[in-house]
Amino acid sequence: MLKEYLAELQKTPLLTREEETALWQRYAGGDREAYNKLMTSYQPLVFKIAAGFKLPEPQLMELVQEGMLGLLEAAERYDYTRGVAFSVFAMHRIRGRMLDFLQQDGEDRGFSLDDTNSAGVAWAEVLASSGRTPFEEAELSMLTDRVAQALHRLPEKEQQVLTGIYLEDRTAADMADSIHVSQGHIYRLQKRGVKRIRGMLSHFIADLKRS
């Protein structure tokens, strides 16, 4: 099942920023075909997040299904006019849905967090991020929002490069082909974009540390 699913994912076309925006505009006007195309294009993102939990195939596929529910929930709440990339907006909800599922699954099966999965990873480690205090969750949410805002303020090509490399796991060569520049220019855009975001976040992070 996993092999077939991965084969289907490889057929998923990558959308340009312009294509994605056009589809969100169509969906806002009630076009369900545009919605279906968007959800299909983000299935690789869901799988990437699920794969990070290092689960055996049956549970991995269950986690993917749960992540898809998180994706659909995110789509219902997303406002494309705010300029925040949907991948940034959706990641927290997808992962949160997966963590909730794993916690509930663990309670239903009656095993300890000290147990390990088939990859030898302790469940306590898998679920570690779910143990944050409400204050820590609020801090993380604020930081995620600030990063999304900072990303949106970058020049368009720097946005495309950082989103592609860090959120969509695309290679520099792939990005170079996508936006029609040299691979060396991709690295320069990446470096400049990261530097700008660090600058924009520096004061915010300093304030968090002092609080």
C-alpha atoms as a PDB file:
ATOM      1  CA  MET A   1       0.000   0.000   0.000  1.00  0.00           C
ATOM      2  CA  LEU A   2       2.780   2.448   0.922  1.00  0.00           C
ATOM      3  CA  LYS A   3       4.640   1.749  -2.319  1.00  0.00           C
ATOM      4  CA  GLU A   4       1.547   2.474  -4.395  1.00  0.00           C
ATOM      5  CA  TYR A   5       0.805   5.621  -2.397  1.00  0.00           C
ATOM      6  CA  LEU A   6       4.325   6.952  -2.910  1.00  0.00           C
ATOM      7  CA  ALA A   7       4.053   6.232  -6.622  1.00  0.00           C
ATOM      8  CA  GLU A   8       0.881   8.349  -6.732  1.00  0.00           C
ATOM      9  CA  LEU A   9       2.540  11.145  -4.783  1.00  0.00           C
ATOM     10  CA  GLN A  10       5.346  11.295  -7.335  1.00  0.00           C
ATOM     11  CA  LYS A  11       2.739  12.078  -9.981  1.00  0.00           C
ATOM     12  CA  THR A  12       1.470  15.074  -8.004  1.00  0.00           C
ATOM     13  CA  PRO A  13       2.231  18.225 -10.021  1.00  0.00           C
ATOM     14  CA  LEU A  14       4.026  21.063  -8.248  1.00  0.00           C
ATOM     15  CA  LEU A  15       2.154  24.355  -8.389  1.00  0.00           C
ATOM     16  CA  THR A  16       3.820  27.696  -8.948  1.00  0.00           C
ATOM     17  CA  ARG A  17       2.907  30.487  -6.541  1.00  0.00           C
ATOM     18  CA  GLU A  18       0.821  32.097  -9.287  1.00  0.00           C
ATOM     19  CA  GLU A  19      -1.062  28.856 -10.029  1.00  0.00           C
ATOM     20  CA  GLU A  20      -1.732  28.307  -6.342  1.00  0.00           C
ATOM     21  CA  THR A  21      -3.066  31.845  -5.841  1.00  0.00           C
ATOM     22  CA  ALA A  22      -5.311  31.492  -8.880  1.00  0.00           C
ATOM     23  CA  LEU A  23      -6.737  28.239  -7.495  1.00  0.00           C
ATOM     24  CA  TRP A  24      -7.433  29.825  -4.082  1.00  0.00           C
ATOM     25  CA  GLN A  25      -9.215  32.678  -5.857  1.00  0.00           C
ATOM     26  CA  ARG A  26     -11.331  30.201  -7.795  1.00  0.00           C
ATOM     27  CA  TYR A  27     -12.110  28.225  -4.638  1.00  0.00           C
ATOM     28  CA  ALA A  28     -13.172  31.446  -2.858  1.00  0.00           C
ATOM     29  CA  GLY A  29     -15.677  31.832  -5.680  1.00  0.00           C
ATOM     30  CA  GLY A  30     -17.069  28.354  -5.045  1.00  0.00           C
ATOM     31  CA  ASP A  31     -15.046  26.304  -7.543  1.00  0.00           C
ATOM     32  CA  ARG A  32     -14.770  22.806  -6.000  1.00  0.00           C
ATOM     33  CA  GLU A  33     -12.483  21.568  -8.786  1.00  0.00           C
ATOM     34  CA  ALA A  34      -9.931  24.204  -7.737  1.00  0.00           C
ATOM     35  CA  TYR A  35     -10.277  23.020  -4.134  1.00  0.00           C
ATOM     36  CA  ASN A  36      -9.646  19.409  -5.134  1.00  0.00           C
ATOM     37  CA  LYS A  37      -6.537  20.398  -7.093  1.00  0.00           C
ATOM     38  CA  LEU A  38      -5.178  22.322  -4.104  1.00  0.00           C
ATOM     39  CA  MET A  39      -5.753  19.468  -1.658  1.00  0.00           C
ATOM     40  CA  THR A  40      -4.123  17.009  -4.045  1.00  0.00           C
ATOM     41  CA  SER A  41      -1.082  19.253  -4.450  1.00  0.00           C
ATOM     42  CA  TYR A  42      -0.539  19.325  -0.666  1.00  0.00           C
ATOM     43  CA  GLN A  43      -0.678  15.563  -0.084  1.00  0.00           C
ATOM     44  CA  PRO A  44       3.164  15.337  -0.250  1.00  0.00           C
ATOM     45  CA  LEU A  45       3.358  17.865   2.613  1.00  0.00           C
ATOM     46  CA  VAL A  46       1.084  15.681   4.749  1.00  0.00           C
ATOM     47  CA  PHE A  47       3.168  12.604   3.998  1.00  0.00           C
ATOM     48  CA  LYS A  48       6.420  14.417   4.797  1.00  0.00           C
ATOM     49  CA  ILE A  49       5.117  15.408   8.243  1.00  0.00           C
ATOM     50  CA  ALA A  50       3.797  11.886   8.909  1.00  0.00           C
ATOM     51  CA  ALA A  51       7.059  10.245   7.827  1.00  0.00           C
ATOM     52  CA  GLY A  52       8.901  12.232  10.488  1.00  0.00           C
ATOM     53  CA  PHE A  53       7.219  10.118  13.197  1.00  0.00           C
ATOM     54  CA  LYS A  54       9.053   6.977  11.979  1.00  0.00           C
ATOM     55  CA  LEU A  55       6.110   4.609  12.307  1.00  0.00           C
ATOM     56  CA  PRO A  56       5.572   1.178  10.708  1.00  0.00           C
ATOM     57  CA  GLU A  57       3.608   1.201   7.460  1.00  0.00           C
ATOM     58  CA  PRO A  58       0.068   0.479   8.793  1.00  0.00           C
ATOM     59  CA  GLN A  59       0.261   3.223  11.424  1.00  0.00           C
ATOM     60  CA  LEU A  60       2.002   5.581   9.017  1.00  0.00           C
ATOM     61  CA  MET A  61      -0.879   5.329   6.570  1.00  0.00           C
ATOM     62  CA  GLU A  62      -3.379   5.907   9.405  1.00  0.00           C
ATOM     63  CA  LEU A  63      -1.386   8.973  10.383  1.00  0.00           C
ATOM     64  CA  VAL A  64      -1.457  10.230   6.783  1.00  0.00           C
ATOM     65  CA  GLN A  65      -5.250   9.914   6.767  1.00  0.00           C
ATOM     66  CA  GLU A  66      -5.447  11.859  10.024  1.00  0.00           C
ATOM     67  CA  GLY A  67      -3.094  14.482   8.613  1.00  0.00           C
ATOM     68  CA  MET A  68      -5.351  14.868   5.581  1.00  0.00           C
ATOM     69  CA  LEU A  69      -8.193  15.775   7.940  1.00  0.00           C
ATOM     70  CA  GLY A  70      -5.930  18.433   9.424  1.00  0.00           C
ATOM     71  CA  LEU A  71      -5.177  19.675   5.910  1.00  0.00           C
ATOM     72  CA  LEU A  72      -8.883  19.967   5.111  1.00  0.00           C
ATOM     73  CA  GLU A  73      -9.521  21.818   8.381  1.00  0.00           C
ATOM     74  CA  ALA A  74      -6.697  24.241   7.600  1.00  0.00           C
ATOM     75  CA  ALA A  75      -8.113  24.882   4.126  1.00  0.00           C
ATOM     76  CA  GLU A  76     -11.489  25.835   5.597  1.00  0.00           C
ATOM     77  CA  ARG A  77      -9.819  28.476   7.804  1.00  0.00           C
ATOM     78  CA  TYR A  78      -7.234  29.786   5.348  1.00  0.00           C
ATOM     79  CA  ASP A  79      -7.483  33.308   3.961  1.00  0.00           C
ATOM     80  CA  TYR A  80      -5.246  33.622   0.902  1.00  0.00           C
ATOM     81  CA  THR A  81      -5.636  37.414   0.864  1.00  0.00           C
ATOM     82  CA  ARG A  82      -3.436  37.698   3.970  1.00  0.00           C
ATOM     83  CA  GLY A  83      -0.444  36.596   1.893  1.00  0.00           C
ATOM     84  CA  VAL A  84       0.755  33.812   4.222  1.00  0.00           C
ATOM     85  CA  ALA A  85       1.773  30.651   2.364  1.00  0.00           C
ATOM     86  CA  PHE A  86      -0.768  27.874   2.925  1.00  0.00           C
ATOM     87  CA  SER A  87       2.011  25.377   3.699  1.00  0.00           C
ATOM     88  CA  VAL A  88       3.113  27.562   6.636  1.00  0.00           C
ATOM     89  CA  PHE A  89      -0.478  28.020   7.804  1.00  0.00           C
ATOM     90  CA  ALA A  90      -1.385  24.319   7.542  1.00  0.00           C
ATOM     91  CA  MET A  91       1.678  22.603   9.028  1.00  0.00           C
ATOM     92  CA  HIS A  92       0.804  23.251  12.681  1.00  0.00           C
ATOM     93  CA  ARG A  93      -2.762  21.979  12.308  1.00  0.00           C
ATOM     94  CA  ILE A  94      -1.670  18.875  10.356  1.00  0.00           C
ATOM     95  CA  ARG A  95       0.965  17.951  12.944  1.00  0.00           C
ATOM     96  CA  GLY A  96      -1.381  18.735  15.834  1.00  0.00           C
ATOM     97  CA  ARG A  97      -4.023  16.435  14.392  1.00  0.00           C
ATOM     98  CA  MET A  98      -1.423  13.669  14.051  1.00  0.00           C
ATOM     99  CA  LEU A  99      -0.215  14.120  17.645  1.00  0.00           C
ATOM    100  CA  ASP A 100      -3.774  13.969  18.973  1.00  0.00           C
ATOM    101  CA  PHE A 101      -4.331  10.764  17.017  1.00  0.00           C
ATOM    102  CA  LEU A 102      -1.153   9.152  18.347  1.00  0.00           C
ATOM    103  CA  GLN A 103      -1.999  10.053  21.919  1.00  0.00           C
ATOM    104  CA  GLN A 104      -5.501   8.627  21.628  1.00  0.00           C
ATOM    105  CA  ASP A 105      -4.193   5.532  19.850  1.00  0.00           C
ATOM    106  CA  GLY A 106      -1.697   4.995  22.653  1.00  0.00           C
ATOM    107  CA  GLU A 107      -4.411   5.250  25.303  1.00  0.00           C
ATOM    108  CA  ASP A 108      -6.659   2.821  23.400  1.00  0.00           C
ATOM    109  CA  ARG A 109      -3.862   0.251  23.017  1.00  0.00           C
ATOM    110  CA  GLY A 110      -2.803   0.594  26.639  1.00  0.00           C
ATOM    111  CA  PHE A 111       0.952   0.883  26.182  1.00  0.00           C
ATOM    112  CA  SER A 112       3.429   3.059  28.028  1.00  0.00           C
ATOM    113  CA  LEU A 113       5.220   6.082  26.644  1.00  0.00           C
ATOM    114  CA  ASP A 114       8.408   4.235  27.578  1.00  0.00           C
ATOM    115  CA  ASP A 115       7.618   1.623  24.909  1.00  0.00           C
ATOM    116  CA  THR A 116       9.238   1.961  21.489  1.00  0.00           C
ATOM    117  CA  ASN A 117       7.792   1.708  18.023  1.00  0.00           C
ATOM    118  CA  SER A 118       9.144  -0.607  15.338  1.00  0.00           C
ATOM    119  CA  ALA A 119      11.848   1.908  14.468  1.00  0.00           C
ATOM    120  CA  GLY A 120      13.129   1.778  18.047  1.00  0.00           C
ATOM    121  CA  VAL A 121      11.925   5.311  18.817  1.00  0.00           C
ATOM    122  CA  ALA A 122      10.322   5.829  22.232  1.00  0.00           C
ATOM    123  CA  TRP A 123       6.735   7.051  22.142  1.00  0.00           C
ATOM    124  CA  ALA A 124       7.692   9.693  24.689  1.00  0.00           C
ATOM    125  CA  GLU A 125      10.102  11.081  22.102  1.00  0.00           C
ATOM    126  CA  VAL A 126       7.554  10.878  19.307  1.00  0.00           C
ATOM    127  CA  LEU A 127       5.032  12.798  21.380  1.00  0.00           C
ATOM    128  CA  ALA A 128       7.502  15.112  23.070  1.00  0.00           C
ATOM    129  CA  SER A 129       6.194  18.274  21.466  1.00  0.00           C
ATOM    130  CA  SER A 130       2.710  17.604  22.810  1.00  0.00           C
ATOM    131  CA  GLY A 131       3.998  18.067  26.358  1.00  0.00           C
ATOM    132  CA  ARG A 132       4.388  21.831  26.118  1.00  0.00           C
ATOM    133  CA  THR A 133       2.716  24.053  28.665  1.00  0.00           C
ATOM    134  CA  PRO A 134      -0.049  26.373  27.415  1.00  0.00           C
ATOM    135  CA  PHE A 135       2.399  29.281  27.692  1.00  0.00           C
ATOM    136  CA  GLU A 136       4.959  27.417  25.561  1.00  0.00           C
ATOM    137  CA  GLU A 137       2.269  26.589  23.000  1.00  0.00           C
ATOM    138  CA  ALA A 138       1.286  30.260  22.878  1.00  0.00           C
ATOM    139  CA  GLU A 139       4.932  31.257  22.370  1.00  0.00           C
ATOM    140  CA  LEU A 140       5.314  28.712  19.555  1.00  0.00           C
ATOM    141  CA  SER A 141       2.114  29.920  17.912  1.00  0.00           C
ATOM    142  CA  MET A 142       3.290  33.534  18.084  1.00  0.00           C
ATOM    143  CA  LEU A 143       6.699  32.625  16.671  1.00  0.00           C
ATOM    144  CA  THR A 144       5.116  30.629  13.841  1.00  0.00           C
ATOM    145  CA  ASP A 145       2.920  33.602  12.987  1.00  0.00           C
ATOM    146  CA  ARG A 146       5.917  35.954  13.042  1.00  0.00           C
ATOM    147  CA  VAL A 147       7.904  33.670  10.741  1.00  0.00           C
ATOM    148  CA  ALA A 148       4.953  33.518   8.341  1.00  0.00           C
ATOM    149  CA  GLN A 149       4.666  37.309   8.396  1.00  0.00           C
ATOM    150  CA  ALA A 150       8.413  37.704   7.854  1.00  0.00           C
ATOM    151  CA  LEU A 151       8.328  35.253   4.957  1.00  0.00           C
ATOM    152  CA  HIS A 152       5.521  37.207   3.323  1.00  0.00           C
ATOM    153  CA  ARG A 153       7.564  40.426   3.526  1.00  0.00           C
ATOM    154  CA  LEU A 154      10.436  38.952   1.511  1.00  0.00           C
ATOM    155  CA  PRO A 155      10.836  39.684  -2.206  1.00  0.00           C
ATOM    156  CA  GLU A 156       8.819  37.196  -4.260  1.00  0.00           C
ATOM    157  CA  LYS A 157      11.717  35.025  -5.441  1.00  0.00           C
ATOM    158  CA  GLU A 158      13.194  34.780  -1.945  1.00  0.00           C
ATOM    159  CA  GLN A 159       9.756  33.694  -0.699  1.00  0.00           C
ATOM    160  CA  GLN A 160       9.573  31.039  -3.400  1.00  0.00           C
ATOM    161  CA  VAL A 161      13.051  29.701  -2.635  1.00  0.00           C
ATOM    162  CA  LEU A 162      12.625  29.502   1.154  1.00  0.00           C
ATOM    163  CA  THR A 163       9.157  27.977   0.874  1.00  0.00           C
ATOM    164  CA  GLY A 164      10.373  25.430  -1.673  1.00  0.00           C
ATOM    165  CA  ILE A 165      13.539  24.402   0.159  1.00  0.00           C
ATOM    166  CA  TYR A 166      12.381  24.480   3.787  1.00  0.00           C
ATOM    167  CA  LEU A 167       8.680  23.672   3.573  1.00  0.00           C
ATOM    168  CA  GLU A 168       8.296  21.607   0.417  1.00  0.00           C
ATOM    169  CA  ASP A 169      11.648  19.782   0.590  1.00  0.00           C
ATOM    170  CA  ARG A 170      12.584  20.745  -2.973  1.00  0.00           C
ATOM    171  CA  THR A 171      16.191  20.780  -4.154  1.00  0.00           C
ATOM    172  CA  ALA A 172      18.099  23.853  -5.268  1.00  0.00           C
ATOM    173  CA  ALA A 173      18.275  22.405  -8.774  1.00  0.00           C
ATOM    174  CA  ASP A 174      14.508  21.911  -8.848  1.00  0.00           C
ATOM    175  CA  MET A 175      13.932  25.464  -7.650  1.00  0.00           C
ATOM    176  CA  ALA A 176      16.355  26.802 -10.257  1.00  0.00           C
ATOM    177  CA  ASP A 177      14.359  25.117 -13.019  1.00  0.00           C
ATOM    178  CA  SER A 178      11.085  26.300 -11.499  1.00  0.00           C
ATOM    179  CA  ILE A 179      11.891  30.021 -11.416  1.00  0.00           C
ATOM    180  CA  HIS A 180      14.320  29.997 -14.358  1.00  0.00           C
ATOM    181  CA  VAL A 181      17.549  31.077 -12.656  1.00  0.00           C
ATOM    182  CA  SER A 182      20.914  29.404 -12.070  1.00  0.00           C
ATOM    183  CA  GLN A 183      21.464  27.095  -9.119  1.00  0.00           C
ATOM    184  CA  GLY A 184      24.076  29.507  -7.779  1.00  0.00           C
ATOM    185  CA  HIS A 185      21.471  32.260  -7.792  1.00  0.00           C
ATOM    186  CA  ILE A 186      19.128  30.006  -5.793  1.00  0.00           C
ATOM    187  CA  TYR A 187      21.780  29.710  -3.054  1.00  0.00           C
ATOM    188  CA  ARG A 188      22.209  33.498  -3.027  1.00  0.00           C
ATOM    189  CA  LEU A 189      18.444  34.017  -2.754  1.00  0.00           C
ATOM    190  CA  GLN A 190      18.303  31.452   0.046  1.00  0.00           C
ATOM    191  CA  LYS A 191      21.111  33.132   1.973  1.00  0.00           C
ATOM    192  CA  ARG A 192      19.604  36.608   1.560  1.00  0.00           C
ATOM    193  CA  GLY A 193      16.138  35.422   2.550  1.00  0.00           C
ATOM    194  CA  VAL A 194      17.352  33.678   5.701  1.00  0.00           C
ATOM    195  CA  LYS A 195      19.369  36.755   6.673  1.00  0.00           C
ATOM    196  CA  ARG A 196      16.354  39.041   6.224  1.00  0.00           C
ATOM    197  CA  ILE A 197      14.091  36.769   8.304  1.00  0.00           C
ATOM    198  CA  ARG A 198      16.672  36.546  11.088  1.00  0.00           C
ATOM    199  CA  GLY A 199      16.847  40.325  11.134  1.00  0.00           C
ATOM    200  CA  MET A 200      13.075  40.696  11.274  1.00  0.00           C
ATOM    201  CA  LEU A 201      12.787  38.139  14.094  1.00  0.00           C
ATOM    202  CA  SER A 202      15.781  39.220  16.185  1.00  0.00           C
ATOM    203  CA  HIS A 203      13.941  41.786  18.326  1.00  0.00           C
ATOM    204  CA  PHE A 204      10.903  39.531  18.766  1.00  0.00           C
ATOM    205  CA  ILE A 205      13.043  36.593  19.959  1.00  0.00           C
ATOM    206  CA  ALA A 206      15.016  38.848  22.307  1.00  0.00           C
ATOM    207  CA  ASP A 207      11.754  40.024  23.885  1.00  0.00           C
ATOM    208  CA  LEU A 208      10.616  36.385  24.364  1.00  0.00           C
ATOM    209  CA  LYS A 209      13.876  35.520  26.117  1.00  0.00           C
ATOM    210  CA  ARG A 210      13.546  38.473  28.474  1.00  0.00           C
ATOM    211  CA  SER A 211       9.925  37.696  29.344  1.00  0.00           C
END
